[in-house]
């Protein structure tokens, strides 16, 4: 039995994984989807969320679990699982980056997002509260996030997506070869992704080589569109 901790991406929450969790559990594994601070059902004021608070929330979850975990991060919050691995390398069996930001020591998620000039989301991101939070215009949900998903997923998103903290993506990661670098990592690229495009995904996993790279012919949300295939990959390694 493996224990999977599942970390959502920007504007989302633990509900991302509602199709993945039962598949993993039916196969005898444990799956723990988290709401990061300020997201989903977590009541932390989103304008007060920092990268350190998000990382600490994941560390607290890991500390309460006996044995090692597989830590899965989607999209922006690849940065969270990287920083967690620096703090808890001995507790993590594997890092899994799902169309996620895999960036080097001293860099920020924003620095790599800016390079992704073919992504469709940026014109639809609206800043709020003096630039401390952002929301995403629903007009881009289908093309940018859910192009190959069931229509009701987009309807769920219109109800459940929430403001995203800006500061987390502007904080440089602090990673070392001895700690973060000691944890095996794999990358799952989404070849039809228009949010984190294949260009930037490949750039990141080429700069930060992984044990293995898997490809899924999906948009940005394979946990909705192809959950069974995603679970097969999660269990392959």
Protein backbone atom coordinates (compact mmCIF):
# COMPACT_ATOMS: atom_id res chain seq x y z
CA UNK A 1 0.00 0.00 0.00
CA UNK A 2 1.17 3.49 -0.90
CA UNK A 3 0.09 6.78 0.59
CA UNK A 4 -0.49 9.51 -1.99
CA UNK A 5 -0.75 13.16 -0.98
CA UNK A 6 -2.43 15.08 -3.80
CA UNK A 7 -1.81 18.81 -4.21
CA UNK A 8 -4.05 20.92 -6.45
CA UNK A 9 -3.03 23.79 -8.75
CA UNK A 10 -3.97 27.47 -8.93
CA UNK A 11 -7.54 28.54 -8.03
CA UNK A 12 -8.50 24.93 -7.30
CA UNK A 13 -8.76 22.75 -4.20
CA UNK A 14 -8.90 19.17 -3.04
CA UNK A 15 -12.04 18.57 -5.13
CA UNK A 16 -9.67 18.27 -8.13
CA UNK A 17 -8.99 14.70 -7.14
CA UNK A 18 -12.54 13.39 -6.60
CA UNK A 19 -12.23 10.96 -9.53
CA UNK A 20 -8.70 9.82 -8.67
CA UNK A 21 -9.12 9.14 -4.95
CA UNK A 22 -11.71 6.31 -5.21
CA UNK A 23 -9.67 4.53 -7.90
CA UNK A 24 -6.57 4.56 -5.71
CA UNK A 25 -8.54 3.49 -2.64
CA UNK A 26 -10.27 0.65 -4.48
CA UNK A 27 -6.81 -0.65 -5.37
CA UNK A 28 -5.81 -0.67 -1.70
CA UNK A 29 -3.89 2.58 -1.49
CA UNK A 30 -4.40 5.63 0.68
CA UNK A 31 -5.10 8.96 -1.03
CA UNK A 32 -5.13 12.30 0.78
CA UNK A 33 -6.20 15.35 -1.25
CA UNK A 34 -5.32 18.60 0.51
CA UNK A 35 -6.74 22.10 0.43
CA UNK A 36 -3.73 24.40 0.63
CA UNK A 37 -4.05 27.46 2.91
CA UNK A 38 -6.69 29.87 1.65
CA UNK A 39 -8.01 27.39 -0.91
CA UNK A 40 -11.06 25.15 -1.04
CA UNK A 41 -12.44 24.68 2.46
CA UNK A 42 -9.38 26.10 4.22
CA UNK A 43 -10.32 29.36 5.95
CA UNK A 44 -6.92 31.10 5.95
CA UNK A 45 -7.41 34.59 4.45
CA UNK A 46 -6.05 34.12 0.94
CA UNK A 47 -4.30 37.50 0.90
CA UNK A 48 -2.20 36.32 3.87
CA UNK A 49 -1.03 33.07 2.25
CA UNK A 50 2.71 32.66 1.71
CA UNK A 51 4.70 29.87 0.14
CA UNK A 52 6.02 28.99 3.59
CA UNK A 53 2.49 28.58 4.97
CA UNK A 54 1.52 26.32 2.08
CA UNK A 55 4.67 24.23 2.49
CA UNK A 56 4.15 23.94 6.25
CA UNK A 57 0.58 22.68 5.73
CA UNK A 58 1.89 19.83 3.58
CA UNK A 59 4.71 19.10 6.04
CA UNK A 60 2.19 18.90 8.89
CA UNK A 61 0.19 16.34 6.90
CA UNK A 62 3.29 14.28 6.15
CA UNK A 63 4.44 14.41 9.78
CA UNK A 64 1.17 12.81 10.88
CA UNK A 65 1.68 9.80 8.60
CA UNK A 66 3.79 6.78 9.46
CA UNK A 67 6.22 5.87 6.71
CA UNK A 68 6.90 7.51 3.38
CA UNK A 69 4.47 9.17 0.99
CA UNK A 70 4.22 9.81 -2.73
CA UNK A 71 3.76 13.55 -3.17
CA UNK A 72 1.86 14.64 -6.29
CA UNK A 73 1.73 18.29 -7.35
CA UNK A 74 -0.30 19.82 -10.17
CA UNK A 75 0.46 22.96 -12.15
CA UNK A 76 1.73 25.94 -10.13
CA UNK A 77 2.06 23.94 -6.94
CA UNK A 78 4.92 21.89 -8.21
CA UNK A 79 6.79 24.61 -6.34
CA UNK A 80 5.15 23.49 -3.10
CA UNK A 81 6.14 19.84 -3.42
CA UNK A 82 9.71 20.81 -4.31
CA UNK A 83 10.08 22.94 -1.20
CA UNK A 84 8.44 20.27 0.96
CA UNK A 85 11.04 17.79 -0.33
CA UNK A 86 13.79 20.09 0.89
CA UNK A 87 12.29 20.01 4.40
CA UNK A 88 11.18 16.35 4.56
CA UNK A 89 13.33 14.38 2.09
CA UNK A 90 13.37 11.25 4.24
CA UNK A 91 9.55 11.12 4.29
CA UNK A 92 8.99 11.27 0.53
CA UNK A 93 9.29 8.16 -1.60
CA UNK A 94 8.68 10.00 -4.86
CA UNK A 95 7.82 13.45 -6.20
CA UNK A 96 5.34 13.50 -9.06
CA UNK A 97 5.01 16.66 -11.17
CA UNK A 98 1.74 16.67 -13.12
CA UNK A 99 2.01 19.40 -15.79
CA UNK A 100 3.66 21.17 -12.87
CA UNK A 101 6.30 23.81 -12.28
CA UNK A 102 9.61 22.07 -11.67
CA UNK A 103 12.07 24.90 -11.19
CA UNK A 104 15.62 25.24 -9.86
CA UNK A 105 16.97 26.59 -6.62
CA UNK A 106 16.73 30.36 -6.35
CA UNK A 107 14.08 30.73 -9.07
CA UNK A 108 10.37 31.55 -8.84
CA UNK A 109 7.34 30.06 -10.54
CA UNK A 110 6.60 33.47 -12.04
CA UNK A 111 9.95 33.54 -13.84
CA UNK A 112 9.02 30.38 -15.72
CA UNK A 113 5.38 31.32 -16.24
CA UNK A 114 6.49 34.48 -18.04
CA UNK A 115 8.47 32.37 -20.50
CA UNK A 116 5.35 30.38 -21.43
CA UNK A 117 4.22 32.85 -24.08
CA UNK A 118 1.86 30.40 -25.84
CA UNK A 119 -0.30 29.77 -22.77
CA UNK A 120 -3.86 31.11 -23.05
CA UNK A 121 -4.61 31.98 -19.41
CA UNK A 122 -2.65 35.18 -18.79
CA UNK A 123 -5.03 37.65 -20.50
CA UNK A 124 -7.85 36.25 -18.35
CA UNK A 125 -6.09 36.53 -14.98
CA UNK A 126 -7.40 39.44 -12.91
CA UNK A 127 -5.44 40.87 -9.99
CA UNK A 128 -7.15 41.94 -6.76
CA UNK A 129 -6.33 43.39 -3.33
CA UNK A 130 -3.30 45.40 -4.44
CA UNK A 131 -1.92 42.49 -6.39
CA UNK A 132 -2.08 39.99 -3.53
CA UNK A 133 -4.62 37.64 -5.14
CA UNK A 134 -5.93 36.74 -8.57
CA UNK A 135 -9.01 35.18 -10.13
CA UNK A 136 -9.48 33.54 -13.51
CA UNK A 137 -12.19 34.69 -15.92
CA UNK A 138 -14.63 31.80 -16.54
CA UNK A 139 -14.55 32.65 -20.26
CA UNK A 140 -11.24 30.75 -20.53
CA UNK A 141 -12.15 27.75 -18.37
CA UNK A 142 -13.02 25.44 -21.26
CA UNK A 143 -10.13 26.21 -23.61
CA UNK A 144 -7.54 26.73 -20.91
CA UNK A 145 -8.35 24.09 -18.31
CA UNK A 146 -11.06 21.59 -19.28
CA UNK A 147 -11.09 21.22 -23.08
CA UNK A 148 -11.40 17.42 -22.94
CA UNK A 149 -13.41 17.15 -19.72
CA UNK A 150 -17.09 16.39 -19.15
CA UNK A 151 -19.18 19.59 -19.39
CA UNK A 152 -20.26 19.42 -15.76
CA UNK A 153 -16.64 19.89 -14.62
CA UNK A 154 -16.68 23.40 -16.00
CA UNK A 155 -19.93 24.04 -14.16
CA UNK A 156 -18.36 22.81 -10.94
CA UNK A 157 -15.42 25.13 -11.53
CA UNK A 158 -17.72 28.12 -11.87
CA UNK A 159 -18.90 27.42 -8.33
CA UNK A 160 -15.72 26.13 -6.69
CA UNK A 161 -12.75 28.04 -8.12
CA UNK A 162 -11.50 30.67 -5.70
CA UNK A 163 -8.92 33.50 -5.54
CA UNK A 164 -5.28 32.46 -5.78
CA UNK A 165 -2.46 33.92 -3.62
CA UNK A 166 0.10 35.76 -5.75
CA UNK A 167 3.00 35.75 -3.28
CA UNK A 168 3.60 32.01 -3.51
CA UNK A 169 4.61 32.26 -7.15
CA UNK A 170 6.98 35.16 -6.50
CA UNK A 171 9.02 33.50 -3.73
CA UNK A 172 12.36 31.95 -4.76
CA UNK A 173 12.69 28.27 -3.93
CA UNK A 174 15.44 27.20 -1.54
CA UNK A 175 16.58 23.76 -2.68
CA UNK A 176 19.77 21.78 -2.15
CA UNK A 177 21.23 18.73 -3.91
CA UNK A 178 21.60 16.98 -0.55
CA UNK A 179 17.92 17.23 0.44
CA UNK A 180 15.57 18.03 -2.44
CA UNK A 181 18.02 16.49 -4.87
CA UNK A 182 18.01 13.18 -3.00
CA UNK A 183 14.29 12.54 -3.63
CA UNK A 184 13.44 10.64 -6.85
CA UNK A 185 11.11 12.57 -9.13
CA UNK A 186 9.02 11.85 -12.21
CA UNK A 187 7.21 14.17 -14.59
CA UNK A 188 3.83 13.66 -16.24
CA UNK A 189 3.45 15.96 -19.23
CA UNK A 190 0.09 16.84 -20.74
CA UNK A 191 0.62 17.21 -24.47
CA UNK A 192 -2.58 19.19 -25.22
CA UNK A 193 -2.12 21.60 -22.31
CA UNK A 194 -2.84 25.28 -23.01
CA UNK A 195 -2.36 26.45 -19.42
CA UNK A 196 1.16 25.12 -18.77
CA UNK A 197 2.11 24.40 -22.36
CA UNK A 198 4.21 21.46 -23.56
CA UNK A 199 6.98 23.96 -24.39
CA UNK A 200 7.46 25.07 -20.80
CA UNK A 201 6.86 21.59 -19.38
CA UNK A 202 9.69 20.19 -21.52
CA UNK A 203 11.96 23.11 -20.76
CA UNK A 204 11.55 22.45 -17.05
CA UNK A 205 12.07 18.69 -17.05
CA UNK A 206 15.05 19.05 -19.38
CA UNK A 207 16.64 21.61 -17.05
CA UNK A 208 15.74 19.52 -13.99
CA UNK A 209 16.05 15.91 -15.23
CA UNK A 210 13.64 13.36 -13.82
CA UNK A 211 13.86 9.62 -13.28
CA UNK A 212 11.17 9.17 -15.93
CA UNK A 213 8.84 11.31 -18.04
CA UNK A 214 5.33 10.09 -18.86
CA UNK A 215 3.08 11.65 -21.49
CA UNK A 216 -0.70 11.99 -21.42
CA UNK A 217 -2.66 13.22 -24.43
CA UNK A 218 -4.84 15.52 -22.36
CA UNK A 219 -5.46 19.16 -21.57
CA UNK A 220 -4.45 20.62 -18.22
CA UNK A 221 -6.78 18.46 -16.08
CA UNK A 222 -6.20 14.71 -16.60
CA UNK A 223 -7.55 13.98 -13.12
CA UNK A 224 -10.95 14.86 -14.61
CA UNK A 225 -10.59 13.66 -18.21
CA UNK A 226 -8.55 10.47 -17.81
CA UNK A 227 -8.39 9.56 -14.11
CA UNK A 228 -7.88 5.82 -14.66
CA UNK A 229 -4.96 6.42 -17.02
CA UNK A 230 -3.47 8.87 -14.53
CA UNK A 231 -3.71 6.30 -11.74
CA UNK A 232 -2.01 3.71 -13.95
CA UNK A 233 0.92 6.08 -14.30
CA UNK A 234 0.97 6.84 -10.58
CA UNK A 235 1.22 3.12 -9.86
CA UNK A 236 3.64 2.30 -12.66
CA UNK A 237 6.70 3.51 -10.83
